[in-house]
Amino acid sequence: MIPKIVTNYAILIFMAIVCVISAPASFAQDDTILPTLPEPLQNLANQGAQVRFLGKDHGVEGWIAIKGGQEQYFYVLPNDGGFISGILFDAKGQAVTIKQVDRLRSQSGGKLLDMLAADKPLSKVTDATETNKYEFKTPSEQLFSDVENSNWFSVGQAGTPVFYSFIDPQCPHCHEMMKGIREHIEAGRIQVRLIPIGLKEESRAQAAFLLATPAPDKVWWKHMDGDKNALPAKREINQQGVQKNLSVMQSWKLDATPFLVYRGKDKKVKMIRGKPKDIEALIADLGARN
């Protein structure tokens, strides 16, 4: 079975930030014989991209292409079965791509790839109109920008530490998360920016209502408190805002609700798939006051 491949650069950056994965001896292999470069990757090389062979692991040939400081990962399927852009995971959920990039770096003392986007430090840009803005030098920064520019509504006090979360109005895990964090919101410790989507026709209509109503935070809490009339599924409401939110999720292959994205107090972009297991740890990582 071919391991799972996820087309999401931000996940690679996130995993590289929060964990260190050591490559076992069985991962080593002979890369002295390079396979033929696939034609689509040759086209990228002709356009000025650096293309390097990552090795053949788990039966698929891996390649990295770097252009304009941004990296992409490609895997060629066996028997000329096509190729996929994304990140390779093994059966245990370990990111094989991280190990492959580390291996490639070690072969040349870290100098072979010029500069991976993941290795570039974040630079702060300040001007007369914007402060605390970060240049997009990694895919995780691009993800954060896409999330910031999605259609969201805020719950909580302005000026407090913020996290974003994709939510489905009918998702029980979203409800559990918000119930677990409600006391912290009402105490003025954090603000949550909810990005409503709908995985079913009814919940899409409810999500559209949330984006259209004048006081979505009040409507949301009534919905959470069990008021069945608080969040109607009015299908006549324009759903373009919800569709945009769905497209952000789909483009980054975010496959669950809730899905949290935030910048920690260390200024790094972090993600949590599903309901946070430790609310206090999340709040502390946001830098919220006690």
C-alpha atoms as a PDB file:
ATOM      1  CA  MET A   1       0.000   0.000   0.000  1.00  0.00           C
ATOM      2  CA  ILE A   2       1.313   3.431  -0.886  1.00  0.00           C
ATOM      3  CA  PRO A   3       1.626   5.611   2.214  1.00  0.00           C
ATOM      4  CA  LYS A   4      -0.680   8.574   2.602  1.00  0.00           C
ATOM      5  CA  ILE A   5       0.354  11.707   0.745  1.00  0.00           C
ATOM      6  CA  VAL A   6      -1.013  15.071   1.905  1.00  0.00           C
ATOM      7  CA  THR A   7      -0.732  18.121  -0.326  1.00  0.00           C
ATOM      8  CA  ASN A   8      -0.068  20.632   2.418  1.00  0.00           C
ATOM      9  CA  TYR A   9       3.248  22.418   2.707  1.00  0.00           C
ATOM     10  CA  ALA A  10       2.202  24.079   5.974  1.00  0.00           C
ATOM     11  CA  ILE A  11       1.894  20.725   7.753  1.00  0.00           C
ATOM     12  CA  LEU A  12       5.534  19.956   6.946  1.00  0.00           C
ATOM     13  CA  ILE A  13       6.678  23.290   8.361  1.00  0.00           C
ATOM     14  CA  PHE A  14       4.452  22.860  11.418  1.00  0.00           C
ATOM     15  CA  MET A  15       5.756  19.360  12.126  1.00  0.00           C
ATOM     16  CA  ALA A  16       9.325  20.526  11.682  1.00  0.00           C
ATOM     17  CA  ILE A  17       8.652  23.235  14.309  1.00  0.00           C
ATOM     18  CA  VAL A  18       7.022  21.083  16.946  1.00  0.00           C
ATOM     19  CA  CYS A  19       8.919  17.818  16.663  1.00  0.00           C
ATOM     20  CA  VAL A  20      12.281  16.347  15.762  1.00  0.00           C
ATOM     21  CA  ILE A  21      12.137  13.052  13.930  1.00  0.00           C
ATOM     22  CA  SER A  22      15.312  10.983  13.775  1.00  0.00           C
ATOM     23  CA  ALA A  23      15.859   8.809  10.716  1.00  0.00           C
ATOM     24  CA  PRO A  24      16.315   5.117  11.526  1.00  0.00           C
ATOM     25  CA  ALA A  25      19.059   3.075   9.887  1.00  0.00           C
ATOM     26  CA  SER A  26      16.531   1.296   7.677  1.00  0.00           C
ATOM     27  CA  PHE A  27      15.746   4.631   6.069  1.00  0.00           C
ATOM     28  CA  ALA A  28      19.199   4.902   4.499  1.00  0.00           C
ATOM     29  CA  GLN A  29      19.456   3.919   0.817  1.00  0.00           C
ATOM     30  CA  ASP A  30      21.634   4.294  -2.269  1.00  0.00           C
ATOM     31  CA  ASP A  31      20.930   7.517  -4.150  1.00  0.00           C
ATOM     32  CA  THR A  32      23.861   7.282  -6.532  1.00  0.00           C
ATOM     33  CA  ILE A  33      21.670   6.162  -9.437  1.00  0.00           C
ATOM     34  CA  LEU A  34      19.252   8.940 -10.309  1.00  0.00           C
ATOM     35  CA  PRO A  35      16.007   8.099 -12.104  1.00  0.00           C
ATOM     36  CA  THR A  36      14.851   9.999 -15.156  1.00  0.00           C
ATOM     37  CA  LEU A  37      13.443  13.395 -14.282  1.00  0.00           C
ATOM     38  CA  PRO A  38       9.667  13.409 -14.973  1.00  0.00           C
ATOM     39  CA  GLU A  39       8.691  15.763 -17.781  1.00  0.00           C
ATOM     40  CA  PRO A  40       6.580  18.127 -15.602  1.00  0.00           C
ATOM     41  CA  LEU A  41       9.561  18.550 -13.272  1.00  0.00           C
ATOM     42  CA  GLN A  42      11.848  19.107 -16.243  1.00  0.00           C
ATOM     43  CA  ASN A  43       9.521  21.929 -17.255  1.00  0.00           C
ATOM     44  CA  LEU A  44       9.935  23.445 -13.778  1.00  0.00           C
ATOM     45  CA  ALA A  45      13.704  23.113 -14.091  1.00  0.00           C
ATOM     46  CA  ASN A  46      13.588  24.854 -17.467  1.00  0.00           C
ATOM     47  CA  GLN A  47      11.777  27.728 -15.740  1.00  0.00           C
ATOM     48  CA  GLY A  48      14.628  28.131 -13.266  1.00  0.00           C
ATOM     49  CA  ALA A  49      13.590  25.832 -10.428  1.00  0.00           C
ATOM     50  CA  GLN A  50      16.145  23.767  -8.553  1.00  0.00           C
ATOM     51  CA  VAL A  51      15.117  20.133  -8.746  1.00  0.00           C
ATOM     52  CA  ARG A  52      16.782  17.507  -6.555  1.00  0.00           C
ATOM     53  CA  PHE A  53      16.150  13.799  -6.045  1.00  0.00           C
ATOM     54  CA  LEU A  54      15.015  12.956  -2.494  1.00  0.00           C
ATOM     55  CA  GLY A  55      15.422   9.213  -2.882  1.00  0.00           C
ATOM     56  CA  LYS A  56      13.132   6.243  -3.267  1.00  0.00           C
ATOM     57  CA  ASP A  57      11.357   5.286  -0.072  1.00  0.00           C
ATOM     58  CA  HIS A  58       8.217   3.221   0.474  1.00  0.00           C
ATOM     59  CA  GLY A  59       8.200   2.369  -3.234  1.00  0.00           C
ATOM     60  CA  VAL A  60       7.904   5.940  -4.567  1.00  0.00           C
ATOM     61  CA  GLU A  61      10.551   8.281  -5.977  1.00  0.00           C
ATOM     62  CA  GLY A  62      10.675  11.646  -4.247  1.00  0.00           C
ATOM     63  CA  TRP A  63      11.740  14.994  -5.690  1.00  0.00           C
ATOM     64  CA  ILE A  64      11.990  18.533  -4.357  1.00  0.00           C
ATOM     65  CA  ALA A  65      11.629  21.587  -6.587  1.00  0.00           C
ATOM     66  CA  ILE A  66      12.590  25.024  -5.268  1.00  0.00           C
ATOM     67  CA  LYS A  67      11.712  28.222  -7.070  1.00  0.00           C
ATOM     68  CA  GLY A  68      11.510  31.729  -5.716  1.00  0.00           C
ATOM     69  CA  GLY A  69      12.344  30.514  -2.213  1.00  0.00           C
ATOM     70  CA  GLN A  70       9.323  28.195  -2.115  1.00  0.00           C
ATOM     71  CA  GLU A  71       9.573  24.418  -2.124  1.00  0.00           C
ATOM     72  CA  GLN A  72       7.291  21.766  -3.569  1.00  0.00           C
ATOM     73  CA  TYR A  73       7.492  18.022  -3.100  1.00  0.00           C
ATOM     74  CA  PHE A  74       6.625  15.445  -5.740  1.00  0.00           C
ATOM     75  CA  TYR A  75       6.322  11.667  -5.649  1.00  0.00           C
ATOM     76  CA  VAL A  76       6.387   9.480  -8.746  1.00  0.00           C
ATOM     77  CA  LEU A  77       4.097   6.465  -8.494  1.00  0.00           C
ATOM     78  CA  PRO A  78       5.339   2.992  -9.462  1.00  0.00           C
ATOM     79  CA  ASN A  79       5.081   1.743 -13.048  1.00  0.00           C
ATOM     80  CA  ASP A  80       4.669   5.239 -14.486  1.00  0.00           C
ATOM     81  CA  GLY A  81       1.376   5.582 -12.657  1.00  0.00           C
ATOM     82  CA  GLY A  82       1.634   9.357 -12.525  1.00  0.00           C
ATOM     83  CA  PHE A  83       2.951  11.598  -9.784  1.00  0.00           C
ATOM     84  CA  ILE A  84       1.534  13.481  -6.817  1.00  0.00           C
ATOM     85  CA  SER A  85       2.478  16.804  -5.258  1.00  0.00           C
ATOM     86  CA  GLY A  86       2.519  16.753  -1.475  1.00  0.00           C
ATOM     87  CA  ILE A  87       4.059  15.328   1.680  1.00  0.00           C
ATOM     88  CA  LEU A  88       4.701  11.613   2.183  1.00  0.00           C
ATOM     89  CA  PHE A  89       3.726   9.985   5.473  1.00  0.00           C
ATOM     90  CA  ASP A  90       4.492   6.415   6.516  1.00  0.00           C
ATOM     91  CA  ALA A  91       1.990   3.977   8.011  1.00  0.00           C
ATOM     92  CA  LYS A  92       2.669   5.340  11.508  1.00  0.00           C
ATOM     93  CA  GLY A  93       1.941   8.933  10.503  1.00  0.00           C
ATOM     94  CA  GLN A  94       5.625   9.954  10.465  1.00  0.00           C
ATOM     95  CA  ALA A  95       6.498  12.567   7.828  1.00  0.00           C
ATOM     96  CA  VAL A  96       8.895  10.746   5.508  1.00  0.00           C
ATOM     97  CA  THR A  97       9.422  13.963   3.545  1.00  0.00           C
ATOM     98  CA  ILE A  98      11.081  15.629   6.554  1.00  0.00           C
ATOM     99  CA  LYS A  99      13.535  12.750   6.829  1.00  0.00           C
ATOM    100  CA  GLN A 100      14.271  12.882   3.113  1.00  0.00           C
ATOM    101  CA  VAL A 101      15.007  16.613   3.204  1.00  0.00           C
ATOM    102  CA  ASP A 102      17.233  16.162   6.266  1.00  0.00           C
ATOM    103  CA  ARG A 103      19.084  13.358   4.486  1.00  0.00           C
ATOM    104  CA  LEU A 104      19.618  15.499   1.408  1.00  0.00           C
ATOM    105  CA  ARG A 105      20.906  18.354   3.538  1.00  0.00           C
ATOM    106  CA  SER A 106      23.345  16.096   5.390  1.00  0.00           C
ATOM    107  CA  GLN A 107      24.826  14.796   2.128  1.00  0.00           C
ATOM    108  CA  SER A 108      26.214  18.238   1.325  1.00  0.00           C
ATOM    109  CA  GLY A 109      26.621  19.844   4.702  1.00  0.00           C
ATOM    110  CA  GLY A 110      23.347  21.696   4.246  1.00  0.00           C
ATOM    111  CA  LYS A 111      24.510  23.705   1.223  1.00  0.00           C
ATOM    112  CA  LEU A 112      23.071  21.743  -1.693  1.00  0.00           C
ATOM    113  CA  LEU A 113      19.622  23.277  -1.759  1.00  0.00           C
ATOM    114  CA  ASP A 114      20.602  26.971  -1.630  1.00  0.00           C
ATOM    115  CA  MET A 115      17.890  28.040   0.808  1.00  0.00           C
ATOM    116  CA  LEU A 116      14.766  26.097   1.649  1.00  0.00           C
ATOM    117  CA  ALA A 117      11.854  28.285   2.576  1.00  0.00           C
ATOM    118  CA  ALA A 118      11.588  26.346   5.813  1.00  0.00           C
ATOM    119  CA  ASP A 119      15.080  27.447   6.772  1.00  0.00           C
ATOM    120  CA  LYS A 120      14.562  31.154   6.180  1.00  0.00           C
ATOM    121  CA  PRO A 121      14.056  33.161   9.348  1.00  0.00           C
ATOM    122  CA  LEU A 122      10.946  35.272   9.599  1.00  0.00           C
ATOM    123  CA  SER A 123      11.608  38.968   9.099  1.00  0.00           C
ATOM    124  CA  LYS A 124       9.444  41.571  10.668  1.00  0.00           C
ATOM    125  CA  VAL A 125       8.244  44.373   8.419  1.00  0.00           C
ATOM    126  CA  THR A 126       7.125  47.597   9.979  1.00  0.00           C
ATOM    127  CA  ASP A 127       5.890  50.710   8.260  1.00  0.00           C
ATOM    128  CA  ALA A 128       3.586  53.629   8.944  1.00  0.00           C
ATOM    129  CA  THR A 129       0.405  51.614   8.451  1.00  0.00           C
ATOM    130  CA  GLU A 130       1.149  48.083   9.631  1.00  0.00           C
ATOM    131  CA  THR A 131       3.142  46.620  12.475  1.00  0.00           C
ATOM    132  CA  ASN A 132       3.913  43.099  13.532  1.00  0.00           C
ATOM    133  CA  LYS A 133       3.518  41.889   9.945  1.00  0.00           C
ATOM    134  CA  TYR A 134       5.553  38.976   8.679  1.00  0.00           C
ATOM    135  CA  GLU A 135       6.895  38.402   5.201  1.00  0.00           C
ATOM    136  CA  PHE A 136       5.707  35.199   3.580  1.00  0.00           C
ATOM    137  CA  LYS A 137       8.906  33.178   3.567  1.00  0.00           C
ATOM    138  CA  THR A 138       7.411  29.832   4.459  1.00  0.00           C
ATOM    139  CA  PRO A 139       4.268  27.983   3.427  1.00  0.00           C
ATOM    140  CA  SER A 140       3.046  28.210   7.019  1.00  0.00           C
ATOM    141  CA  GLU A 141       3.071  32.001   6.710  1.00  0.00           C
ATOM    142  CA  GLN A 142       1.065  31.746   3.486  1.00  0.00           C
ATOM    143  CA  LEU A 143      -1.425  29.482   5.238  1.00  0.00           C
ATOM    144  CA  PHE A 144      -1.747  32.000   8.077  1.00  0.00           C
ATOM    145  CA  SER A 145      -2.386  34.771   5.551  1.00  0.00           C
ATOM    146  CA  ASP A 146      -5.077  32.718   3.823  1.00  0.00           C
ATOM    147  CA  VAL A 147      -6.755  32.046   7.171  1.00  0.00           C
ATOM    148  CA  GLU A 148      -6.590  35.723   8.188  1.00  0.00           C
ATOM    149  CA  ASN A 149      -8.258  36.656   4.913  1.00  0.00           C
ATOM    150  CA  SER A 150     -11.027  34.081   5.141  1.00  0.00           C
ATOM    151  CA  ASN A 151     -14.564  34.990   6.243  1.00  0.00           C
ATOM    152  CA  TRP A 152     -14.670  34.830  10.030  1.00  0.00           C
ATOM    153  CA  PHE A 153     -16.469  36.362  12.986  1.00  0.00           C
ATOM    154  CA  SER A 154     -14.963  36.954  16.382  1.00  0.00           C
ATOM    155  CA  VAL A 155     -16.047  35.652  19.766  1.00  0.00           C
ATOM    156  CA  GLY A 156     -14.374  37.286  22.744  1.00  0.00           C
ATOM    157  CA  GLN A 157     -12.716  40.517  23.724  1.00  0.00           C
ATOM    158  CA  ALA A 158     -10.788  42.502  21.124  1.00  0.00           C
ATOM    159  CA  GLY A 159      -7.109  43.020  21.882  1.00  0.00           C
ATOM    160  CA  THR A 160      -6.639  39.638  23.544  1.00  0.00           C
ATOM    161  CA  PRO A 161      -4.584  36.778  22.041  1.00  0.00           C
ATOM    162  CA  VAL A 162      -6.333  35.218  19.065  1.00  0.00           C
ATOM    163  CA  PHE A 163      -6.656  31.837  17.442  1.00  0.00           C
ATOM    164  CA  TYR A 164      -8.626  30.967  14.317  1.00  0.00           C
ATOM    165  CA  SER A 165     -10.732  27.864  13.974  1.00  0.00           C
ATOM    166  CA  PHE A 166     -12.659  26.346  11.088  1.00  0.00           C
ATOM    167  CA  ILE A 167     -15.993  25.151  12.465  1.00  0.00           C
ATOM    168  CA  ASP A 168     -19.097  23.413  11.174  1.00  0.00           C
ATOM    169  CA  PRO A 169     -22.267  24.536  13.006  1.00  0.00           C
ATOM    170  CA  GLN A 170     -23.314  20.900  13.381  1.00  0.00           C
ATOM    171  CA  CYS A 171     -19.898  19.540  14.402  1.00  0.00           C
ATOM    172  CA  PRO A 172     -20.109  18.086  17.954  1.00  0.00           C
ATOM    173  CA  HIS A 173     -16.332  18.407  18.421  1.00  0.00           C
ATOM    174  CA  CYS A 174     -16.583  22.132  17.604  1.00  0.00           C
ATOM    175  CA  HIS A 175     -19.283  22.448  20.246  1.00  0.00           C
ATOM    176  CA  GLU A 176     -17.152  20.608  22.810  1.00  0.00           C
ATOM    177  CA  MET A 177     -14.159  22.829  22.071  1.00  0.00           C
ATOM    178  CA  MET A 178     -16.151  26.033  22.458  1.00  0.00           C
ATOM    179  CA  LYS A 179     -17.808  24.840  25.672  1.00  0.00           C
ATOM    180  CA  GLY A 180     -14.392  23.956  27.062  1.00  0.00           C
ATOM    181  CA  ILE A 181     -12.944  27.349  26.245  1.00  0.00           C
ATOM    182  CA  ARG A 182     -15.981  29.519  26.939  1.00  0.00           C
ATOM    183  CA  GLU A 183     -14.980  30.518  30.465  1.00  0.00           C
ATOM    184  CA  HIS A 184     -11.628  31.787  29.152  1.00  0.00           C
ATOM    185  CA  ILE A 185     -13.358  33.784  26.422  1.00  0.00           C
ATOM    186  CA  GLU A 186     -15.831  35.330  28.849  1.00  0.00           C
ATOM    187  CA  ALA A 187     -13.009  36.116  31.298  1.00  0.00           C
ATOM    188  CA  GLY A 188     -11.366  38.223  28.599  1.00  0.00           C
ATOM    189  CA  ARG A 189      -8.284  36.031  28.252  1.00  0.00           C
ATOM    190  CA  ILE A 190      -8.591  35.124  24.556  1.00  0.00           C
ATOM    191  CA  GLN A 191     -10.532  35.814  21.377  1.00  0.00           C
ATOM    192  CA  VAL A 192     -11.581  33.122  18.923  1.00  0.00           C
ATOM    193  CA  ARG A 193     -12.157  33.920  15.268  1.00  0.00           C
ATOM    194  CA  LEU A 194     -14.538  31.302  13.964  1.00  0.00           C
ATOM    195  CA  ILE A 195     -14.427  30.440  10.262  1.00  0.00           C
ATOM    196  CA  PRO A 196     -17.763  28.792   9.468  1.00  0.00           C
ATOM    197  CA  ILE A 197     -18.008  26.084   6.837  1.00  0.00           C
ATOM    198  CA  GLY A 198     -20.607  23.447   6.106  1.00  0.00           C
ATOM    199  CA  LEU A 199     -19.930  19.837   5.218  1.00  0.00           C
ATOM    200  CA  LYS A 200     -23.637  19.261   4.543  1.00  0.00           C
ATOM    201  CA  GLU A 201     -26.183  21.387   2.731  1.00  0.00           C
ATOM    202  CA  GLU A 202     -28.000  22.294   5.942  1.00  0.00           C
ATOM    203  CA  SER A 203     -24.873  23.267   7.863  1.00  0.00           C
ATOM    204  CA  ARG A 204     -23.610  25.323   4.892  1.00  0.00           C
ATOM    205  CA  ALA A 205     -26.835  27.322   5.046  1.00  0.00           C
ATOM    206  CA  GLN A 206     -26.375  27.765   8.799  1.00  0.00           C
ATOM    207  CA  ALA A 207     -22.774  28.877   8.254  1.00  0.00           C
ATOM    208  CA  ALA A 208     -23.960  31.422   5.688  1.00  0.00           C
ATOM    209  CA  PHE A 209     -26.499  32.726   8.206  1.00  0.00           C
ATOM    210  CA  LEU A 210     -23.719  33.218  10.768  1.00  0.00           C
ATOM    211  CA  LEU A 211     -21.739  35.324   8.296  1.00  0.00           C
ATOM    212  CA  ALA A 212     -24.811  37.367   7.340  1.00  0.00           C
ATOM    213  CA  THR A 213     -26.383  38.046  10.741  1.00  0.00           C
ATOM    214  CA  PRO A 214     -25.539  41.339  12.527  1.00  0.00           C
ATOM    215  CA  ALA A 215     -24.517  39.675  15.819  1.00  0.00           C
ATOM    216  CA  PRO A 216     -23.023  36.280  14.947  1.00  0.00           C
ATOM    217  CA  ASP A 217     -21.325  35.845  18.344  1.00  0.00           C
ATOM    218  CA  LYS A 218     -24.662  36.110  20.189  1.00  0.00           C
ATOM    219  CA  VAL A 219     -26.326  33.799  17.681  1.00  0.00           C
ATOM    220  CA  TRP A 220     -23.498  31.299  18.099  1.00  0.00           C
ATOM    221  CA  TRP A 221     -23.819  31.175  21.884  1.00  0.00           C
ATOM    222  CA  LYS A 222     -27.587  30.750  21.639  1.00  0.00           C
ATOM    223  CA  HIS A 223     -26.969  27.868  19.243  1.00  0.00           C
ATOM    224  CA  MET A 224     -24.438  26.407  21.690  1.00  0.00           C
ATOM    225  CA  ASP A 225     -26.951  26.723  24.517  1.00  0.00           C
ATOM    226  CA  GLY A 226     -29.410  24.547  22.628  1.00  0.00           C
ATOM    227  CA  ASP A 227     -31.718  27.130  21.064  1.00  0.00           C
ATOM    228  CA  LYS A 228     -32.857  25.250  17.959  1.00  0.00           C
ATOM    229  CA  ASN A 229     -34.250  28.407  16.385  1.00  0.00           C
ATOM    230  CA  ALA A 230     -31.099  30.492  16.826  1.00  0.00           C
ATOM    231  CA  LEU A 231     -29.348  29.248  13.701  1.00  0.00           C
ATOM    232  CA  PRO A 232     -31.814  28.666  10.858  1.00  0.00           C
ATOM    233  CA  ALA A 233     -30.772  27.026   7.610  1.00  0.00           C
ATOM    234  CA  LYS A 234     -32.003  29.727   5.238  1.00  0.00           C
ATOM    235  CA  ARG A 235     -30.951  28.509   1.831  1.00  0.00           C
ATOM    236  CA  GLU A 236     -31.754  31.820   0.161  1.00  0.00           C
ATOM    237  CA  ILE A 237     -28.756  33.464   1.884  1.00  0.00           C
ATOM    238  CA  ASN A 238     -25.729  33.864  -0.392  1.00  0.00           C
ATOM    239  CA  GLN A 239     -23.151  31.186   0.402  1.00  0.00           C
ATOM    240  CA  GLN A 240     -20.134  32.668  -1.394  1.00  0.00           C
ATOM    241  CA  GLY A 241     -18.429  33.504   1.898  1.00  0.00           C
ATOM    242  CA  VAL A 242     -18.805  29.944   3.116  1.00  0.00           C
ATOM    243  CA  GLN A 243     -17.560  28.587  -0.204  1.00  0.00           C
ATOM    244  CA  LYS A 244     -14.433  30.725   0.110  1.00  0.00           C
ATOM    245  CA  ASN A 245     -13.791  29.275   3.551  1.00  0.00           C
ATOM    246  CA  LEU A 246     -14.247  25.774   2.183  1.00  0.00           C
ATOM    247  CA  SER A 247     -11.829  26.518  -0.653  1.00  0.00           C
ATOM    248  CA  VAL A 248      -9.173  27.598   1.867  1.00  0.00           C
ATOM    249  CA  MET A 249      -9.592  24.321   3.728  1.00  0.00           C
ATOM    250  CA  GLN A 250      -9.534  22.289   0.541  1.00  0.00           C
ATOM    251  CA  SER A 251      -6.519  24.058  -0.930  1.00  0.00           C
ATOM    252  CA  TRP A 252      -4.480  23.254   2.196  1.00  0.00           C
ATOM    253  CA  LYS A 253      -6.048  19.800   2.604  1.00  0.00           C
ATOM    254  CA  LEU A 254      -7.366  20.587   6.078  1.00  0.00           C
ATOM    255  CA  ASP A 255      -9.704  17.692   6.666  1.00  0.00           C
ATOM    256  CA  ALA A 256     -11.335  18.135  10.057  1.00  0.00           C
ATOM    257  CA  THR A 257     -13.332  20.519  12.205  1.00  0.00           C
ATOM    258  CA  PRO A 258     -12.419  22.112  14.409  1.00  0.00           C
ATOM    259  CA  PHE A 259      -9.052  22.972  12.833  1.00  0.00           C
ATOM    260  CA  LEU A 260      -7.120  25.626  14.732  1.00  0.00           C
ATOM    261  CA  VAL A 261      -4.472  27.964  13.309  1.00  0.00           C
ATOM    262  CA  TYR A 262      -2.666  30.531  15.427  1.00  0.00           C
ATOM    263  CA  ARG A 263       0.604  32.334  16.008  1.00  0.00           C
ATOM    264  CA  GLY A 264       2.138  31.321  19.292  1.00  0.00           C
ATOM    265  CA  LYS A 265       3.916  33.644  21.662  1.00  0.00           C
ATOM    266  CA  ASP A 266       7.160  32.495  20.007  1.00  0.00           C
ATOM    267  CA  LYS A 267       5.784  34.056  16.765  1.00  0.00           C
ATOM    268  CA  LYS A 268       5.629  30.690  14.990  1.00  0.00           C
ATOM    269  CA  VAL A 269       2.519  29.534  13.153  1.00  0.00           C
ATOM    270  CA  LYS A 270       0.949  26.509  14.847  1.00  0.00           C
ATOM    271  CA  MET A 271      -1.949  24.219  13.980  1.00  0.00           C
ATOM    272  CA  ILE A 272      -4.147  21.826  15.925  1.00  0.00           C
ATOM    273  CA  ARG A 273      -6.291  19.276  14.125  1.00  0.00           C
ATOM    274  CA  GLY A 274      -9.454  18.546  16.059  1.00  0.00           C
ATOM    275  CA  LYS A 275     -10.410  19.604  19.574  1.00  0.00           C
ATOM    276  CA  PRO A 276      -7.364  20.707  21.616  1.00  0.00           C
ATOM    277  CA  LYS A 277      -6.441  18.094  24.203  1.00  0.00           C
ATOM    278  CA  ASP A 278      -5.010  20.659  26.602  1.00  0.00           C
ATOM    279  CA  ILE A 279      -6.857  23.990  26.623  1.00  0.00           C
ATOM    280  CA  GLU A 280      -4.552  25.488  29.256  1.00  0.00           C
ATOM    281  CA  ALA A 281      -1.470  24.645  27.180  1.00  0.00           C
ATOM    282  CA  LEU A 282      -3.046  26.304  24.143  1.00  0.00           C
ATOM    283  CA  ILE A 283      -3.893  29.438  26.108  1.00  0.00           C
ATOM    284  CA  ALA A 284      -0.382  29.568  27.540  1.00  0.00           C
ATOM    285  CA  ASP A 285       1.122  29.166  24.073  1.00  0.00           C
ATOM    286  CA  LEU A 286      -0.994  32.089  22.874  1.00  0.00           C
ATOM    287  CA  GLY A 287       0.555  34.200  25.623  1.00  0.00           C
ATOM    288  CA  ALA A 288      -2.756  34.968  27.333  1.00  0.00           C
ATOM    289  CA  ARG A 289      -2.727  36.533  30.776  1.00  0.00           C
ATOM    290  CA  ASN A 290      -3.698  34.465  33.789  1.00  0.00           C
END
